[in-house]
Amino acid sequence: MSSLVEAALASRRSIIVHFHFFKNAGTSVEFLLRTHFGDAFAIYEHGQPTETFPATVLVPFLQKHERLQAISSHTICFPAPSHPDWSVFPVVFLRHPLDRVLSMYRYEKQQDSSNPGVQIARERGLAGYVEAALFETGSRSFRNYQAWMLAGCRETAEDHDSLLRAATGALNRLPAVGVVDQFDKSLECFNEWLAPHFHDLDLQPVHRNRSDGRASSMDERLRSFRERVGEALFERLERENAVDLELYRIARRRLLQ
């Protein structure tokens, strides 16, 4: 590599973009990024919390705040933003979709809010919470949400084949991907990928905003979930999240290979 090319690459701005999928260890990741980058890290939410936007909405904000080296957002979907003078490093964690729903329920049940999801969780229990999401509110968060976000919020959740193709395509383009139940191992992979581009970066495990206690194993949590909501509802939720489940399995195999 010539000295001119090396100088050009060194002058590029490197930016970590964290796609904070709800209840996918995002608060822990944000804590780690803030700890390392300090004022060079920011959380940016475009529009309303329930809205979703292409990650290109980050570009004007990043252009305005030139010191930022890392940014996180709940409301952006893939692909990562691009700029001719930037090197962008997307960070995302995936989770077993039913374990994620269980965590969402526990989180919302603990909140003191008039939010409809919170009220349903507090008043109707786990089965009622799932039934409302699947049959009443039509919440996107309960139907292949992670795949939909990876696919750029374009494919319909009902078209499983096209959604899986789009989401796995995005997944395969990522040099590293995190898995919530393999958080420590995920950080090792992110460190290996990111450290050469960010001085002294060393993300060490810390867990924030846990709503499930994690005292039980994944199998135990899912077994209890099935018993509490009944076989029919549990299997319906599995079918509605078949693509997310396949993505989780792909990401986990890739991480542990």
C-alpha atoms as a PDB file:
ATOM      1  CA  MET A   1       0.000   0.000   0.000  1.00  0.00           C
ATOM      2  CA  SER A   2       1.423   3.399  -0.973  1.00  0.00           C
ATOM      3  CA  SER A   3       2.056   6.134   1.584  1.00  0.00           C
ATOM      4  CA  LEU A   4      -0.573   8.293  -0.132  1.00  0.00           C
ATOM      5  CA  VAL A   5      -3.238   5.580   0.229  1.00  0.00           C
ATOM      6  CA  GLU A   6      -2.259   4.968   3.857  1.00  0.00           C
ATOM      7  CA  ALA A   7      -2.512   8.695   4.590  1.00  0.00           C
ATOM      8  CA  ALA A   8      -5.925   8.882   2.915  1.00  0.00           C
ATOM      9  CA  LEU A   9      -7.245   5.945   4.938  1.00  0.00           C
ATOM     10  CA  ALA A  10      -5.839   7.374   8.164  1.00  0.00           C
ATOM     11  CA  SER A  11      -7.606  10.679   7.532  1.00  0.00           C
ATOM     12  CA  ARG A  12     -11.023   9.051   7.165  1.00  0.00           C
ATOM     13  CA  ARG A  13     -13.429   9.541  10.035  1.00  0.00           C
ATOM     14  CA  SER A  14     -14.281   6.269  11.797  1.00  0.00           C
ATOM     15  CA  ILE A  15     -17.753   6.020  13.336  1.00  0.00           C
ATOM     16  CA  ILE A  16     -19.471   3.203  15.233  1.00  0.00           C
ATOM     17  CA  VAL A  17     -23.224   3.095  14.577  1.00  0.00           C
ATOM     18  CA  HIS A  18     -25.097   1.015  17.142  1.00  0.00           C
ATOM     19  CA  PHE A  19     -28.513  -0.216  16.027  1.00  0.00           C
ATOM     20  CA  HIS A  20     -30.329  -0.441  19.371  1.00  0.00           C
ATOM     21  CA  PHE A  21     -33.037  -3.054  18.856  1.00  0.00           C
ATOM     22  CA  PHE A  22     -35.380  -2.843  21.852  1.00  0.00           C
ATOM     23  CA  LYS A  23     -34.506  -5.364  24.613  1.00  0.00           C
ATOM     24  CA  ASN A  24     -31.390  -6.609  22.820  1.00  0.00           C
ATOM     25  CA  ALA A  25     -28.781  -5.527  25.404  1.00  0.00           C
ATOM     26  CA  GLY A  26     -28.709  -2.047  23.889  1.00  0.00           C
ATOM     27  CA  THR A  27     -28.494  -0.164  27.186  1.00  0.00           C
ATOM     28  CA  SER A  28     -25.424  -2.203  28.129  1.00  0.00           C
ATOM     29  CA  VAL A  29     -23.798  -1.480  24.769  1.00  0.00           C
ATOM     30  CA  GLU A  30     -24.566   2.228  25.117  1.00  0.00           C
ATOM     31  CA  PHE A  31     -22.992   2.248  28.579  1.00  0.00           C
ATOM     32  CA  LEU A  32     -19.822   0.664  27.208  1.00  0.00           C
ATOM     33  CA  LEU A  33     -19.624   3.102  24.310  1.00  0.00           C
ATOM     34  CA  ARG A  34     -20.185   6.104  26.579  1.00  0.00           C
ATOM     35  CA  THR A  35     -17.580   4.812  29.022  1.00  0.00           C
ATOM     36  CA  HIS A  36     -14.967   4.560  26.290  1.00  0.00           C
ATOM     37  CA  PHE A  37     -15.822   7.542  24.087  1.00  0.00           C
ATOM     38  CA  GLY A  38     -17.249   9.997  26.622  1.00  0.00           C
ATOM     39  CA  ASP A  39     -18.425  13.156  24.832  1.00  0.00           C
ATOM     40  CA  ALA A  40     -17.556  11.552  21.507  1.00  0.00           C
ATOM     41  CA  PHE A  41     -20.590   9.262  21.945  1.00  0.00           C
ATOM     42  CA  ALA A  42     -24.220  10.291  21.486  1.00  0.00           C
ATOM     43  CA  ILE A  43     -27.700   8.790  21.446  1.00  0.00           C
ATOM     44  CA  TYR A  44     -29.850  10.191  18.660  1.00  0.00           C
ATOM     45  CA  GLU A  45     -33.520   9.415  18.132  1.00  0.00           C
ATOM     46  CA  HIS A  46     -35.173  10.742  15.010  1.00  0.00           C
ATOM     47  CA  GLY A  47     -38.930  11.315  15.227  1.00  0.00           C
ATOM     48  CA  GLN A  48     -41.132   9.474  17.702  1.00  0.00           C
ATOM     49  CA  PRO A  49     -40.047   6.368  19.686  1.00  0.00           C
ATOM     50  CA  THR A  50     -42.518   4.162  17.823  1.00  0.00           C
ATOM     51  CA  GLU A  51     -41.348   5.330  14.381  1.00  0.00           C
ATOM     52  CA  THR A  52     -38.565   3.807  12.302  1.00  0.00           C
ATOM     53  CA  PHE A  53     -36.313   5.529   9.785  1.00  0.00           C
ATOM     54  CA  PRO A  54     -33.473   4.656   7.417  1.00  0.00           C
ATOM     55  CA  ALA A  55     -30.084   5.170   9.048  1.00  0.00           C
ATOM     56  CA  THR A  56     -29.360   7.959   6.574  1.00  0.00           C
ATOM     57  CA  VAL A  57     -31.181  10.278   9.008  1.00  0.00           C
ATOM     58  CA  LEU A  58     -27.985  10.144  11.092  1.00  0.00           C
ATOM     59  CA  VAL A  59     -25.868  11.785   8.392  1.00  0.00           C
ATOM     60  CA  PRO A  60     -26.834  15.441   9.025  1.00  0.00           C
ATOM     61  CA  PHE A  61     -26.447  14.963  12.784  1.00  0.00           C
ATOM     62  CA  LEU A  62     -23.016  13.370  12.376  1.00  0.00           C
ATOM     63  CA  GLN A  63     -21.949  16.094   9.970  1.00  0.00           C
ATOM     64  CA  LYS A  64     -22.965  18.736  12.487  1.00  0.00           C
ATOM     65  CA  HIS A  65     -21.208  16.981  15.377  1.00  0.00           C
ATOM     66  CA  GLU A  66     -17.813  16.247  13.891  1.00  0.00           C
ATOM     67  CA  ARG A  67     -16.251  15.011  17.148  1.00  0.00           C
ATOM     68  CA  LEU A  68     -18.579  12.036  17.457  1.00  0.00           C
ATOM     69  CA  GLN A  69     -16.986   8.627  17.031  1.00  0.00           C
ATOM     70  CA  ALA A  70     -19.934   6.496  18.155  1.00  0.00           C
ATOM     71  CA  ILE A  71     -23.693   6.898  17.995  1.00  0.00           C
ATOM     72  CA  SER A  72     -26.691   4.786  19.015  1.00  0.00           C
ATOM     73  CA  SER A  73     -30.349   4.879  18.042  1.00  0.00           C
ATOM     74  CA  HIS A  74     -33.539   2.861  18.628  1.00  0.00           C
ATOM     75  CA  THR A  75     -35.266   4.320  15.598  1.00  0.00           C
ATOM     76  CA  ILE A  76     -32.927   3.471  12.712  1.00  0.00           C
ATOM     77  CA  CYS A  77     -32.929   0.408  10.494  1.00  0.00           C
ATOM     78  CA  PHE A  78     -30.333  -1.071   8.190  1.00  0.00           C
ATOM     79  CA  PRO A  79     -28.305  -0.474   6.104  1.00  0.00           C
ATOM     80  CA  ALA A  80     -25.755   1.664   7.919  1.00  0.00           C
ATOM     81  CA  PRO A  81     -25.307   5.243   6.670  1.00  0.00           C
ATOM     82  CA  SER A  82     -22.491   5.943   4.238  1.00  0.00           C
ATOM     83  CA  HIS A  83     -20.358   8.980   3.442  1.00  0.00           C
ATOM     84  CA  PRO A  84     -17.364   9.298   1.091  1.00  0.00           C
ATOM     85  CA  ASP A  85     -15.122  10.503   3.921  1.00  0.00           C
ATOM     86  CA  TRP A  86     -16.264   8.088   6.638  1.00  0.00           C
ATOM     87  CA  SER A  87     -15.648   4.490   7.627  1.00  0.00           C
ATOM     88  CA  VAL A  88     -18.838   3.301   9.330  1.00  0.00           C
ATOM     89  CA  PHE A  89     -18.841   0.281  11.647  1.00  0.00           C
ATOM     90  CA  PRO A  90     -22.363  -1.070  12.333  1.00  0.00           C
ATOM     91  CA  VAL A  91     -22.924  -2.812  15.671  1.00  0.00           C
ATOM     92  CA  VAL A  92     -26.046  -4.857  16.349  1.00  0.00           C
ATOM     93  CA  PHE A  93     -27.111  -7.624  18.735  1.00  0.00           C
ATOM     94  CA  LEU A  94     -29.693 -10.301  17.945  1.00  0.00           C
ATOM     95  CA  ARG A  95     -31.728 -12.292  20.444  1.00  0.00           C
ATOM     96  CA  HIS A  96     -33.927 -15.380  20.569  1.00  0.00           C
ATOM     97  CA  PRO A  97     -37.236 -13.734  19.585  1.00  0.00           C
ATOM     98  CA  LEU A  98     -39.381 -15.380  22.252  1.00  0.00           C
ATOM     99  CA  ASP A  99     -36.856 -14.629  24.969  1.00  0.00           C
ATOM    100  CA  ARG A 100     -36.971 -11.045  23.704  1.00  0.00           C
ATOM    101  CA  VAL A 101     -40.798 -10.938  23.991  1.00  0.00           C
ATOM    102  CA  LEU A 102     -40.564 -12.282  27.530  1.00  0.00           C
ATOM    103  CA  SER A 103     -38.039  -9.566  28.402  1.00  0.00           C
ATOM    104  CA  MET A 104     -40.278  -6.911  26.830  1.00  0.00           C
ATOM    105  CA  TYR A 105     -43.178  -8.084  28.992  1.00  0.00           C
ATOM    106  CA  ARG A 106     -41.145  -8.005  32.193  1.00  0.00           C
ATOM    107  CA  TYR A 107     -39.747  -4.593  31.333  1.00  0.00           C
ATOM    108  CA  GLU A 108     -43.122  -3.044  30.535  1.00  0.00           C
ATOM    109  CA  LYS A 109     -44.771  -4.615  33.575  1.00  0.00           C
ATOM    110  CA  GLN A 110     -42.242  -2.808  35.784  1.00  0.00           C
ATOM    111  CA  GLN A 111     -42.836   0.632  34.269  1.00  0.00           C
ATOM    112  CA  ASP A 112     -44.948   3.384  35.807  1.00  0.00           C
ATOM    113  CA  SER A 113     -46.459   4.748  32.627  1.00  0.00           C
ATOM    114  CA  SER A 114     -49.737   5.255  30.799  1.00  0.00           C
ATOM    115  CA  ASN A 115     -48.250   3.630  27.695  1.00  0.00           C
ATOM    116  CA  PRO A 116     -50.771   1.076  26.322  1.00  0.00           C
ATOM    117  CA  GLY A 117     -48.209  -1.728  26.337  1.00  0.00           C
ATOM    118  CA  VAL A 118     -47.408  -1.042  29.970  1.00  0.00           C
ATOM    119  CA  GLN A 119     -51.065  -1.043  30.927  1.00  0.00           C
ATOM    120  CA  ILE A 120     -51.726  -4.329  29.116  1.00  0.00           C
ATOM    121  CA  ALA A 121     -48.698  -5.976  30.738  1.00  0.00           C
ATOM    122  CA  ARG A 122     -49.772  -4.850  34.199  1.00  0.00           C
ATOM    123  CA  GLU A 123     -53.459  -5.683  33.839  1.00  0.00           C
ATOM    124  CA  ARG A 124     -53.627  -8.763  31.605  1.00  0.00           C
ATOM    125  CA  GLY A 125     -50.552 -10.826  32.408  1.00  0.00           C
ATOM    126  CA  LEU A 126     -48.168 -12.505  29.990  1.00  0.00           C
ATOM    127  CA  ALA A 127     -50.751 -14.352  27.902  1.00  0.00           C
ATOM    128  CA  GLY A 128     -52.910 -11.241  27.569  1.00  0.00           C
ATOM    129  CA  TYR A 129     -49.859  -9.190  26.645  1.00  0.00           C
ATOM    130  CA  VAL A 130     -48.964 -11.567  23.805  1.00  0.00           C
ATOM    131  CA  GLU A 131     -52.583 -11.907  22.639  1.00  0.00           C
ATOM    132  CA  ALA A 132     -52.993  -8.134  22.476  1.00  0.00           C
ATOM    133  CA  ALA A 133     -49.828  -7.742  20.407  1.00  0.00           C
ATOM    134  CA  LEU A 134     -50.708 -10.515  17.954  1.00  0.00           C
ATOM    135  CA  PHE A 135     -54.445 -10.040  17.570  1.00  0.00           C
ATOM    136  CA  GLU A 136     -55.340  -6.495  18.675  1.00  0.00           C
ATOM    137  CA  THR A 137     -52.615  -3.877  18.316  1.00  0.00           C
ATOM    138  CA  GLY A 138     -50.754  -5.507  15.418  1.00  0.00           C
ATOM    139  CA  SER A 139     -47.445  -4.508  16.961  1.00  0.00           C
ATOM    140  CA  ARG A 140     -44.490  -4.935  14.610  1.00  0.00           C
ATOM    141  CA  SER A 141     -42.258  -5.652  17.615  1.00  0.00           C
ATOM    142  CA  PHE A 142     -43.794  -9.122  17.994  1.00  0.00           C
ATOM    143  CA  ARG A 143     -43.504 -10.251  14.355  1.00  0.00           C
ATOM    144  CA  ASN A 144     -40.005 -10.853  13.008  1.00  0.00           C
ATOM    145  CA  TYR A 145     -38.984  -7.417  14.229  1.00  0.00           C
ATOM    146  CA  GLN A 146     -35.239  -8.040  14.110  1.00  0.00           C
ATOM    147  CA  ALA A 147     -35.419  -9.378  10.552  1.00  0.00           C
ATOM    148  CA  TRP A 148     -37.556  -6.440   9.486  1.00  0.00           C
ATOM    149  CA  MET A 149     -35.025  -3.958  10.896  1.00  0.00           C
ATOM    150  CA  LEU A 150     -32.124  -5.755   9.216  1.00  0.00           C
ATOM    151  CA  ALA A 151     -34.048  -5.802   5.928  1.00  0.00           C
ATOM    152  CA  GLY A 152     -34.379  -2.019   5.962  1.00  0.00           C
ATOM    153  CA  CYS A 153     -38.026  -1.999   7.121  1.00  0.00           C
ATOM    154  CA  ARG A 154     -39.111  -2.753   3.572  1.00  0.00           C
ATOM    155  CA  GLU A 155     -40.151  -6.406   3.479  1.00  0.00           C
ATOM    156  CA  THR A 156     -43.461  -7.394   5.011  1.00  0.00           C
ATOM    157  CA  ALA A 157     -43.325  -9.565   8.105  1.00  0.00           C
ATOM    158  CA  GLU A 158     -45.798 -11.976   6.516  1.00  0.00           C
ATOM    159  CA  ASP A 159     -43.626 -12.741   3.458  1.00  0.00           C
ATOM    160  CA  HIS A 160     -41.150 -14.952   5.275  1.00  0.00           C
ATOM    161  CA  ASP A 161     -39.115 -15.994   2.228  1.00  0.00           C
ATOM    162  CA  SER A 162     -38.293 -12.503   0.981  1.00  0.00           C
ATOM    163  CA  LEU A 163     -37.806 -11.235   4.518  1.00  0.00           C
ATOM    164  CA  LEU A 164     -35.340 -14.030   5.286  1.00  0.00           C
ATOM    165  CA  ARG A 165     -33.391 -13.378   2.071  1.00  0.00           C
ATOM    166  CA  ALA A 166     -33.132  -9.652   2.749  1.00  0.00           C
ATOM    167  CA  ALA A 167     -32.263 -10.032   6.426  1.00  0.00           C
ATOM    168  CA  THR A 168     -29.669 -12.775   5.944  1.00  0.00           C
ATOM    169  CA  GLY A 169     -28.111 -10.697   3.180  1.00  0.00           C
ATOM    170  CA  ALA A 170     -27.657  -7.831   5.624  1.00  0.00           C
ATOM    171  CA  LEU A 171     -26.400 -10.208   8.312  1.00  0.00           C
ATOM    172  CA  ASN A 172     -23.833 -11.766   5.993  1.00  0.00           C
ATOM    173  CA  ARG A 173     -22.427  -8.341   5.130  1.00  0.00           C
ATOM    174  CA  LEU A 174     -21.603  -7.621   8.771  1.00  0.00           C
ATOM    175  CA  PRO A 175     -18.026  -8.436   9.838  1.00  0.00           C
ATOM    176  CA  ALA A 176     -19.313  -9.094  13.377  1.00  0.00           C
ATOM    177  CA  VAL A 177     -22.719  -9.546  14.989  1.00  0.00           C
ATOM    178  CA  GLY A 178     -23.628  -9.859  18.650  1.00  0.00           C
ATOM    179  CA  VAL A 179     -25.928 -12.379  20.324  1.00  0.00           C
ATOM    180  CA  VAL A 180     -27.523 -11.370  23.614  1.00  0.00           C
ATOM    181  CA  ASP A 181     -27.153 -14.719  25.375  1.00  0.00           C
ATOM    182  CA  GLN A 182     -23.496 -14.787  24.297  1.00  0.00           C
ATOM    183  CA  PHE A 183     -22.776 -11.210  25.347  1.00  0.00           C
ATOM    184  CA  ASP A 184     -19.198 -11.729  26.567  1.00  0.00           C
ATOM    185  CA  LYS A 185     -18.165 -13.679  23.471  1.00  0.00           C
ATOM    186  CA  SER A 186     -19.852 -11.062  21.282  1.00  0.00           C
ATOM    187  CA  LEU A 187     -17.772  -8.296  22.846  1.00  0.00           C
ATOM    188  CA  GLU A 188     -14.606 -10.271  22.143  1.00  0.00           C
ATOM    189  CA  CYS A 189     -15.519 -10.369  18.460  1.00  0.00           C
ATOM    190  CA  PHE A 190     -16.409  -6.684  18.346  1.00  0.00           C
ATOM    191  CA  ASN A 191     -13.137  -5.781  20.070  1.00  0.00           C
ATOM    192  CA  GLU A 192     -11.152  -7.798  17.539  1.00  0.00           C
ATOM    193  CA  TRP A 193     -12.889  -6.030  14.651  1.00  0.00           C
ATOM    194  CA  LEU A 194     -13.065  -2.491  16.056  1.00  0.00           C
ATOM    195  CA  ALA A 195      -9.890  -2.073  18.115  1.00  0.00           C
ATOM    196  CA  PRO A 196      -7.593  -1.441  15.108  1.00  0.00           C
ATOM    197  CA  HIS A 197      -9.782   1.529  14.152  1.00  0.00           C
ATOM    198  CA  PHE A 198     -10.469   3.044  17.590  1.00  0.00           C
ATOM    199  CA  HIS A 199      -7.557   3.773  19.896  1.00  0.00           C
ATOM    200  CA  ASP A 200      -7.437   1.578  23.038  1.00  0.00           C
ATOM    201  CA  LEU A 201     -10.966   0.273  22.521  1.00  0.00           C
ATOM    202  CA  ASP A 202     -11.609  -2.626  24.904  1.00  0.00           C
ATOM    203  CA  LEU A 203     -15.287  -3.321  25.553  1.00  0.00           C
ATOM    204  CA  GLN A 204     -15.645  -5.337  28.759  1.00  0.00           C
ATOM    205  CA  PRO A 205     -18.859  -7.093  29.857  1.00  0.00           C
ATOM    206  CA  VAL A 206     -21.345  -5.088  31.905  1.00  0.00           C
ATOM    207  CA  HIS A 207     -25.101  -5.607  32.060  1.00  0.00           C
ATOM    208  CA  ARG A 208     -27.568  -2.708  32.324  1.00  0.00           C
ATOM    209  CA  ASN A 209     -31.364  -2.527  32.274  1.00  0.00           C
ATOM    210  CA  ARG A 210     -31.893  -6.241  32.755  1.00  0.00           C
ATOM    211  CA  SER A 211     -35.551  -6.986  33.311  1.00  0.00           C
ATOM    212  CA  ASP A 212     -35.392 -10.782  33.385  1.00  0.00           C
ATOM    213  CA  GLY A 213     -32.895 -11.371  36.158  1.00  0.00           C
ATOM    214  CA  ARG A 214     -31.220 -14.024  33.955  1.00  0.00           C
ATOM    215  CA  ALA A 215     -31.128 -16.422  36.905  1.00  0.00           C
ATOM    216  CA  SER A 216     -32.574 -19.182  34.726  1.00  0.00           C
ATOM    217  CA  SER A 217     -31.241 -20.708  31.523  1.00  0.00           C
ATOM    218  CA  MET A 218     -32.738 -19.980  28.104  1.00  0.00           C
ATOM    219  CA  ASP A 219     -34.397 -23.410  28.031  1.00  0.00           C
ATOM    220  CA  GLU A 220     -35.916 -22.846  31.464  1.00  0.00           C
ATOM    221  CA  ARG A 221     -37.247 -19.417  30.537  1.00  0.00           C
ATOM    222  CA  LEU A 222     -38.823 -20.707  27.335  1.00  0.00           C
ATOM    223  CA  ARG A 223     -40.305 -23.738  29.095  1.00  0.00           C
ATOM    224  CA  SER A 224     -41.883 -21.471  31.707  1.00  0.00           C
ATOM    225  CA  PHE A 225     -43.114 -19.126  28.958  1.00  0.00           C
ATOM    226  CA  ARG A 226     -44.835 -22.015  27.160  1.00  0.00           C
ATOM    227  CA  GLU A 227     -46.526 -23.176  30.368  1.00  0.00           C
ATOM    228  CA  ARG A 228     -47.778 -19.684  31.234  1.00  0.00           C
ATOM    229  CA  VAL A 229     -49.307 -18.805  27.861  1.00  0.00           C
ATOM    230  CA  GLY A 230     -50.366 -22.272  26.703  1.00  0.00           C
ATOM    231  CA  GLU A 231     -49.251 -24.446  23.800  1.00  0.00           C
ATOM    232  CA  ALA A 232     -51.389 -22.805  21.097  1.00  0.00           C
ATOM    233  CA  LEU A 233     -50.364 -19.222  21.823  1.00  0.00           C
ATOM    234  CA  PHE A 234     -46.706 -20.155  22.261  1.00  0.00           C
ATOM    235  CA  GLU A 235     -46.642 -21.948  18.906  1.00  0.00           C
ATOM    236  CA  ARG A 236     -48.438 -19.056  17.206  1.00  0.00           C
ATOM    237  CA  LEU A 237     -45.784 -16.680  18.524  1.00  0.00           C
ATOM    238  CA  GLU A 238     -43.069 -19.043  17.243  1.00  0.00           C
ATOM    239  CA  ARG A 239     -44.638 -19.042  13.765  1.00  0.00           C
ATOM    240  CA  GLU A 240     -44.919 -15.258  13.739  1.00  0.00           C
ATOM    241  CA  ASN A 241     -41.195 -15.050  14.532  1.00  0.00           C
ATOM    242  CA  ALA A 242     -39.858 -17.899  12.404  1.00  0.00           C
ATOM    243  CA  VAL A 243     -37.498 -15.620  10.465  1.00  0.00           C
ATOM    244  CA  ASP A 244     -36.130 -13.988  13.614  1.00  0.00           C
ATOM    245  CA  LEU A 245     -35.556 -17.420  15.083  1.00  0.00           C
ATOM    246  CA  GLU A 246     -33.594 -18.521  12.013  1.00  0.00           C
ATOM    247  CA  LEU A 247     -31.494 -15.329  12.102  1.00  0.00           C
ATOM    248  CA  TYR A 248     -30.757 -15.903  15.776  1.00  0.00           C
ATOM    249  CA  ARG A 249     -29.600 -19.447  15.037  1.00  0.00           C
ATOM    250  CA  ILE A 250     -27.404 -18.269  12.154  1.00  0.00           C
ATOM    251  CA  ALA A 251     -25.820 -15.516  14.243  1.00  0.00           C
ATOM    252  CA  ARG A 252     -25.238 -17.834  17.205  1.00  0.00           C
ATOM    253  CA  ARG A 253     -23.620 -20.543  15.060  1.00  0.00           C
ATOM    254  CA  ARG A 254     -21.416 -17.971  13.409  1.00  0.00           C
ATOM    255  CA  LEU A 255     -20.340 -16.512  16.740  1.00  0.00           C
ATOM    256  CA  LEU A 256     -19.506 -19.865  18.334  1.00  0.00           C
ATOM    257  CA  GLN A 257     -17.873 -21.595  15.374  1.00  0.00           C
END
